[in-house]
Amino acid sequence: MKWFSLKGVREEVRKIQWPKRKEMATYTASVLGFVVFFAVYFMFSEIIISQILRMLKVF
């Protein structure tokens, strides 16, 4: 349980291979791209479903 101490935690944090700036930019762009894609997808899905329900006079 060496990692349970503050010194152990510091040692473990030093072992972490942190992403480079370019990698982080790529990961961030990917996440933002997926968020925008799914936001637009769900927005259009909601519009289409609401139009169908209006045509069926359910809503």
PDB file of N, CA and C in Angstrom:
ATOM      1  N   MET A   1       0.828  -1.190   0.000  1.00  0.00           N
ATOM      2  CA  MET A   1       0.000   0.000   0.000  1.00  0.00           C
ATOM      3  C   MET A   1       0.878   1.260   0.000  1.00  0.00           C
ATOM      4  N   LYS A   2       1.971   1.191  -0.752  1.00  0.00           N
ATOM      5  CA  LYS A   2       2.877   2.324  -0.832  1.00  0.00           C
ATOM      6  C   LYS A   2       2.200   3.533  -1.480  1.00  0.00           C
ATOM      7  N   TRP A   3       1.323   3.293  -2.444  1.00  0.00           N
ATOM      8  CA  TRP A   3       0.672   4.373  -3.157  1.00  0.00           C
ATOM      9  C   TRP A   3      -0.328   5.115  -2.277  1.00  0.00           C
ATOM     10  N   PHE A   4      -0.646   4.545  -1.109  1.00  0.00           N
ATOM     11  CA  PHE A   4      -1.640   5.135  -0.214  1.00  0.00           C
ATOM     12  C   PHE A   4      -1.106   6.379   0.490  1.00  0.00           C
ATOM     13  N   SER A   5       0.206   6.547   0.502  1.00  0.00           N
ATOM     14  CA  SER A   5       0.792   7.729   1.134  1.00  0.00           C
ATOM     15  C   SER A   5       0.933   8.848   0.098  1.00  0.00           C
ATOM     16  N   LEU A   6       1.153  10.048   0.572  1.00  0.00           N
ATOM     17  CA  LEU A   6       1.320  11.192  -0.327  1.00  0.00           C
ATOM     18  C   LEU A   6       2.549  11.010  -1.212  1.00  0.00           C
ATOM     19  N   LYS A   7       3.609  10.468  -0.654  1.00  0.00           N
ATOM     20  CA  LYS A   7       4.825  10.214  -1.424  1.00  0.00           C
ATOM     21  C   LYS A   7       4.562   9.179  -2.520  1.00  0.00           C
ATOM     22  N   GLY A   8       3.816   8.152  -2.197  1.00  0.00           N
ATOM     23  CA  GLY A   8       3.470   7.126  -3.181  1.00  0.00           C
ATOM     24  C   GLY A   8       2.611   7.670  -4.300  1.00  0.00           C
ATOM     25  N   VAL A   9       1.695   8.552  -3.941  1.00  0.00           N
ATOM     26  CA  VAL A   9       0.828   9.166  -4.954  1.00  0.00           C
ATOM     27  C   VAL A   9       1.666  10.016  -5.906  1.00  0.00           C
ATOM     28  N   ARG A  10       2.600  10.781  -5.361  1.00  0.00           N
ATOM     29  CA  ARG A  10       3.476  11.603  -6.208  1.00  0.00           C
ATOM     30  C   ARG A  10       4.279  10.730  -7.173  1.00  0.00           C
ATOM     31  N   GLU A  11       4.783   9.604  -6.686  1.00  0.00           N
ATOM     32  CA  GLU A  11       5.547   8.698  -7.553  1.00  0.00           C
ATOM     33  C   GLU A  11       4.676   8.159  -8.684  1.00  0.00           C
ATOM     34  N   GLU A  12       3.465   7.792  -8.353  1.00  0.00           N
ATOM     35  CA  GLU A  12       2.567   7.252  -9.372  1.00  0.00           C
ATOM     36  C   GLU A  12       2.183   8.316 -10.398  1.00  0.00           C
ATOM     37  N   VAL A  13       1.987   9.555  -9.951  1.00  0.00           N
ATOM     38  CA  VAL A  13       1.639  10.637 -10.878  1.00  0.00           C
ATOM     39  C   VAL A  13       2.799  10.904 -11.832  1.00  0.00           C
ATOM     40  N   ARG A  14       4.014  10.786 -11.355  1.00  0.00           N
ATOM     41  CA  ARG A  14       5.175  10.988 -12.230  1.00  0.00           C
ATOM     42  C   ARG A  14       5.271   9.903 -13.307  1.00  0.00           C
ATOM     43  N   LYS A  15       4.738   8.734 -13.038  1.00  0.00           N
ATOM     44  CA  LYS A  15       4.793   7.624 -13.999  1.00  0.00           C
ATOM     45  C   LYS A  15       3.791   7.789 -15.136  1.00  0.00           C
ATOM     46  N   ILE A  16       2.815   8.639 -14.940  1.00  0.00           N
ATOM     47  CA  ILE A  16       1.768   8.826 -15.952  1.00  0.00           C
ATOM     48  C   ILE A  16       2.378   9.456 -17.196  1.00  0.00           C
ATOM     49  N   GLN A  17       2.019   8.914 -18.351  1.00  0.00           N
ATOM     50  CA  GLN A  17       2.479   9.489 -19.613  1.00  0.00           C
ATOM     51  C   GLN A  17       1.370  10.415 -20.107  1.00  0.00           C
ATOM     52  N   TRP A  18       1.518  11.706 -19.847  1.00  0.00           N
ATOM     53  CA  TRP A  18       0.505  12.683 -20.190  1.00  0.00           C
ATOM     54  C   TRP A  18       0.496  12.910 -21.704  1.00  0.00           C
ATOM     55  N   PRO A  19      -0.689  13.171 -22.281  1.00  0.00           N
ATOM     56  CA  PRO A  19      -0.746  13.415 -23.725  1.00  0.00           C
ATOM     57  C   PRO A  19      -0.057  14.725 -24.100  1.00  0.00           C
ATOM     58  N   LYS A  20       0.501  14.741 -25.286  1.00  0.00           N
ATOM     59  CA  LYS A  20       1.133  15.955 -25.810  1.00  0.00           C
ATOM     60  C   LYS A  20       0.052  16.952 -26.201  1.00  0.00           C
ATOM     61  N   ARG A  21       0.461  18.182 -26.440  1.00  0.00           N
ATOM     62  CA  ARG A  21      -0.494  19.248 -26.765  1.00  0.00           C
ATOM     63  C   ARG A  21      -1.270  18.935 -28.048  1.00  0.00           C
ATOM     64  N   LYS A  22      -0.573  18.405 -29.060  1.00  0.00           N
ATOM     65  CA  LYS A  22      -1.230  18.081 -30.328  1.00  0.00           C
ATOM     66  C   LYS A  22      -2.237  16.944 -30.145  1.00  0.00           C
ATOM     67  N   GLU A  23      -1.865  15.929 -29.360  1.00  0.00           N
ATOM     68  CA  GLU A  23      -2.787  14.824 -29.090  1.00  0.00           C
ATOM     69  C   GLU A  23      -4.032  15.330 -28.355  1.00  0.00           C
ATOM     70  N   MET A  24      -3.811  16.202 -27.376  1.00  0.00           N
ATOM     71  CA  MET A  24      -4.938  16.734 -26.610  1.00  0.00           C
ATOM     72  C   MET A  24      -5.867  17.549 -27.502  1.00  0.00           C
ATOM     73  N   ALA A  25      -5.299  18.307 -28.440  1.00  0.00           N
ATOM     74  CA  ALA A  25      -6.125  19.084 -29.374  1.00  0.00           C
ATOM     75  C   ALA A  25      -6.940  18.143 -30.260  1.00  0.00           C
ATOM     76  N   THR A  26      -6.323  17.052 -30.696  1.00  0.00           N
ATOM     77  CA  THR A  26      -7.029  16.074 -31.525  1.00  0.00           C
ATOM     78  C   THR A  26      -8.166  15.427 -30.749  1.00  0.00           C
ATOM     79  N   TYR A  27      -7.901  15.026 -29.509  1.00  0.00           N
ATOM     80  CA  TYR A  27      -8.936  14.397 -28.677  1.00  0.00           C
ATOM     81  C   TYR A  27     -10.079  15.376 -28.403  1.00  0.00           C
ATOM     82  N   THR A  28      -9.735  16.620 -28.122  1.00  0.00           N
ATOM     83  CA  THR A  28     -10.754  17.629 -27.842  1.00  0.00           C
ATOM     84  C   THR A  28     -11.619  17.881 -29.071  1.00  0.00           C
ATOM     85  N   ALA A  29     -10.987  17.977 -30.232  1.00  0.00           N
ATOM     86  CA  ALA A  29     -11.743  18.191 -31.473  1.00  0.00           C
ATOM     87  C   ALA A  29     -12.665  17.006 -31.755  1.00  0.00           C
ATOM     88  N   SER A  30     -12.201  15.791 -31.485  1.00  0.00           N
ATOM     89  CA  SER A  30     -13.030  14.602 -31.693  1.00  0.00           C
ATOM     90  C   SER A  30     -14.257  14.631 -30.792  1.00  0.00           C
ATOM     91  N   VAL A  31     -14.051  14.943 -29.535  1.00  0.00           N
ATOM     92  CA  VAL A  31     -15.163  14.987 -28.586  1.00  0.00           C
ATOM     93  C   VAL A  31     -16.162  16.066 -28.980  1.00  0.00           C
ATOM     94  N   LEU A  32     -15.663  17.250 -29.312  1.00  0.00           N
ATOM     95  CA  LEU A  32     -16.562  18.329 -29.717  1.00  0.00           C
ATOM     96  C   LEU A  32     -17.320  17.978 -30.998  1.00  0.00           C
ATOM     97  N   GLY A  33     -16.642  17.310 -31.927  1.00  0.00           N
ATOM     98  CA  GLY A  33     -17.297  16.873 -33.151  1.00  0.00           C
ATOM     99  C   GLY A  33     -18.438  15.907 -32.878  1.00  0.00           C
ATOM    100  N   PHE A  34     -18.204  14.939 -32.009  1.00  0.00           N
ATOM    101  CA  PHE A  34     -19.253  13.980 -31.656  1.00  0.00           C
ATOM    102  C   PHE A  34     -20.407  14.670 -30.935  1.00  0.00           C
ATOM    103  N   VAL A  35     -20.100  15.608 -30.053  1.00  0.00           N
ATOM    104  CA  VAL A  35     -21.154  16.324 -29.329  1.00  0.00           C
ATOM    105  C   VAL A  35     -22.024  17.107 -30.300  1.00  0.00           C
ATOM    106  N   VAL A  36     -21.403  17.816 -31.232  1.00  0.00           N
ATOM    107  CA  VAL A  36     -22.168  18.590 -32.216  1.00  0.00           C
ATOM    108  C   VAL A  36     -22.991  17.657 -33.101  1.00  0.00           C
ATOM    109  N   PHE A  37     -22.374  16.564 -33.549  1.00  0.00           N
ATOM    110  CA  PHE A  37     -23.096  15.612 -34.406  1.00  0.00           C
ATOM    111  C   PHE A  37     -24.344  15.075 -33.708  1.00  0.00           C
ATOM    112  N   PHE A  38     -24.195  14.625 -32.473  1.00  0.00           N
ATOM    113  CA  PHE A  38     -25.339  14.045 -31.777  1.00  0.00           C
ATOM    114  C   PHE A  38     -26.363  15.102 -31.384  1.00  0.00           C
ATOM    115  N   ALA A  39     -25.927  16.326 -31.105  1.00  0.00           N
ATOM    116  CA  ALA A  39     -26.878  17.398 -30.812  1.00  0.00           C
ATOM    117  C   ALA A  39     -27.754  17.669 -32.032  1.00  0.00           C
ATOM    118  N   VAL A  40     -27.134  17.760 -33.200  1.00  0.00           N
ATOM    119  CA  VAL A  40     -27.892  17.991 -34.440  1.00  0.00           C
ATOM    120  C   VAL A  40     -28.781  16.793 -34.753  1.00  0.00           C
ATOM    121  N   TYR A  41     -28.258  15.587 -34.570  1.00  0.00           N
ATOM    122  CA  TYR A  41     -29.025  14.365 -34.827  1.00  0.00           C
ATOM    123  C   TYR A  41     -30.290  14.325 -33.959  1.00  0.00           C
ATOM    124  N   PHE A  42     -30.136  14.570 -32.663  1.00  0.00           N
ATOM    125  CA  PHE A  42     -31.297  14.505 -31.776  1.00  0.00           C
ATOM    126  C   PHE A  42     -32.252  15.670 -32.016  1.00  0.00           C
ATOM    127  N   MET A  43     -31.749  16.822 -32.402  1.00  0.00           N
ATOM    128  CA  MET A  43     -32.615  17.947 -32.705  1.00  0.00           C
ATOM    129  C   MET A  43     -33.504  17.620 -33.910  1.00  0.00           C
ATOM    130  N   PHE A  44     -32.882  17.112 -34.984  1.00  0.00           N
ATOM    131  CA  PHE A  44     -33.666  16.761 -36.166  1.00  0.00           C
ATOM    132  C   PHE A  44     -34.601  15.585 -35.894  1.00  0.00           C
ATOM    133  N   SER A  45     -34.172  14.630 -35.082  1.00  0.00           N
ATOM    134  CA  SER A  45     -35.044  13.510 -34.723  1.00  0.00           C
ATOM    135  C   SER A  45     -36.278  14.014 -34.000  1.00  0.00           C
ATOM    136  N   GLU A  46     -36.089  14.931 -33.070  1.00  0.00           N
ATOM    137  CA  GLU A  46     -37.221  15.474 -32.326  1.00  0.00           C
ATOM    138  C   GLU A  46     -38.161  16.243 -33.249  1.00  0.00           C
ATOM    139  N   ILE A  47     -37.598  17.017 -34.171  1.00  0.00           N
ATOM    140  CA  ILE A  47     -38.433  17.768 -35.111  1.00  0.00           C
ATOM    141  C   ILE A  47     -39.249  16.819 -35.979  1.00  0.00           C
ATOM    142  N   ILE A  48     -38.616  15.793 -36.499  1.00  0.00           N
ATOM    143  CA  ILE A  48     -39.309  14.838 -37.374  1.00  0.00           C
ATOM    144  C   ILE A  48     -40.396  14.095 -36.613  1.00  0.00           C
ATOM    145  N   ILE A  49     -40.085  13.633 -35.417  1.00  0.00           N
ATOM    146  CA  ILE A  49     -41.074  12.889 -34.629  1.00  0.00           C
ATOM    147  C   ILE A  49     -42.244  13.790 -34.254  1.00  0.00           C
ATOM    148  N   SER A  50     -41.964  15.038 -33.883  1.00  0.00           N
ATOM    149  CA  SER A  50     -43.060  15.941 -33.529  1.00  0.00           C
ATOM    150  C   SER A  50     -43.933  16.246 -34.742  1.00  0.00           C
ATOM    151  N   GLN A  51     -43.348  16.364 -35.931  1.00  0.00           N
ATOM    152  CA  GLN A  51     -44.134  16.592 -37.146  1.00  0.00           C
ATOM    153  C   GLN A  51     -45.023  15.386 -37.455  1.00  0.00           C
ATOM    154  N   ILE A  52     -44.476  14.202 -37.283  1.00  0.00           N
ATOM    155  CA  ILE A  52     -45.277  12.985 -37.520  1.00  0.00           C
ATOM    156  C   ILE A  52     -46.439  12.923 -36.540  1.00  0.00           C
ATOM    157  N   LEU A  53     -46.181  13.234 -35.274  1.00  0.00           N
ATOM    158  CA  LEU A  53     -47.253  13.197 -34.284  1.00  0.00           C
ATOM    159  C   LEU A  53     -48.310  14.265 -34.551  1.00  0.00           C
ATOM    160  N   ARG A  54     -47.902  15.426 -35.042  1.00  0.00           N
ATOM    161  CA  ARG A  54     -48.867  16.454 -35.409  1.00  0.00           C
ATOM    162  C   ARG A  54     -49.730  16.015 -36.588  1.00  0.00           C
ATOM    163  N   MET A  55     -49.112  15.344 -37.572  1.00  0.00           N
ATOM    164  CA  MET A  55     -49.871  14.858 -38.730  1.00  0.00           C
ATOM    165  C   MET A  55     -50.881  13.804 -38.310  1.00  0.00           C
ATOM    166  N   LEU A  56     -50.530  13.013 -37.312  1.00  0.00           N
ATOM    167  CA  LEU A  56     -51.443  11.980 -36.816  1.00  0.00           C
ATOM    168  C   LEU A  56     -52.432  12.531 -35.797  1.00  0.00           C
ATOM    169  N   LYS A  57     -52.331  13.817 -35.498  1.00  0.00           N
ATOM    170  CA  LYS A  57     -53.200  14.515 -34.547  1.00  0.00           C
ATOM    171  C   LYS A  57     -53.093  13.896 -33.142  1.00  0.00           C
ATOM    172  N   VAL A  58     -51.924  13.428 -32.812  1.00  0.00           N
ATOM    173  CA  VAL A  58     -51.681  12.880 -31.483  1.00  0.00           C
ATOM    174  C   VAL A  58     -51.205  13.983 -30.558  1.00  0.00           C
ATOM    175  N   PHE A  59     -50.530  14.941 -31.143  1.00  0.00           N
ATOM    176  CA  PHE A  59     -49.919  15.997 -30.348  1.00  0.00           C
ATOM    177  C   PHE A  59     -50.512  17.330 -30.721  1.00  0.00           C
TER     178      PHE A  59
END
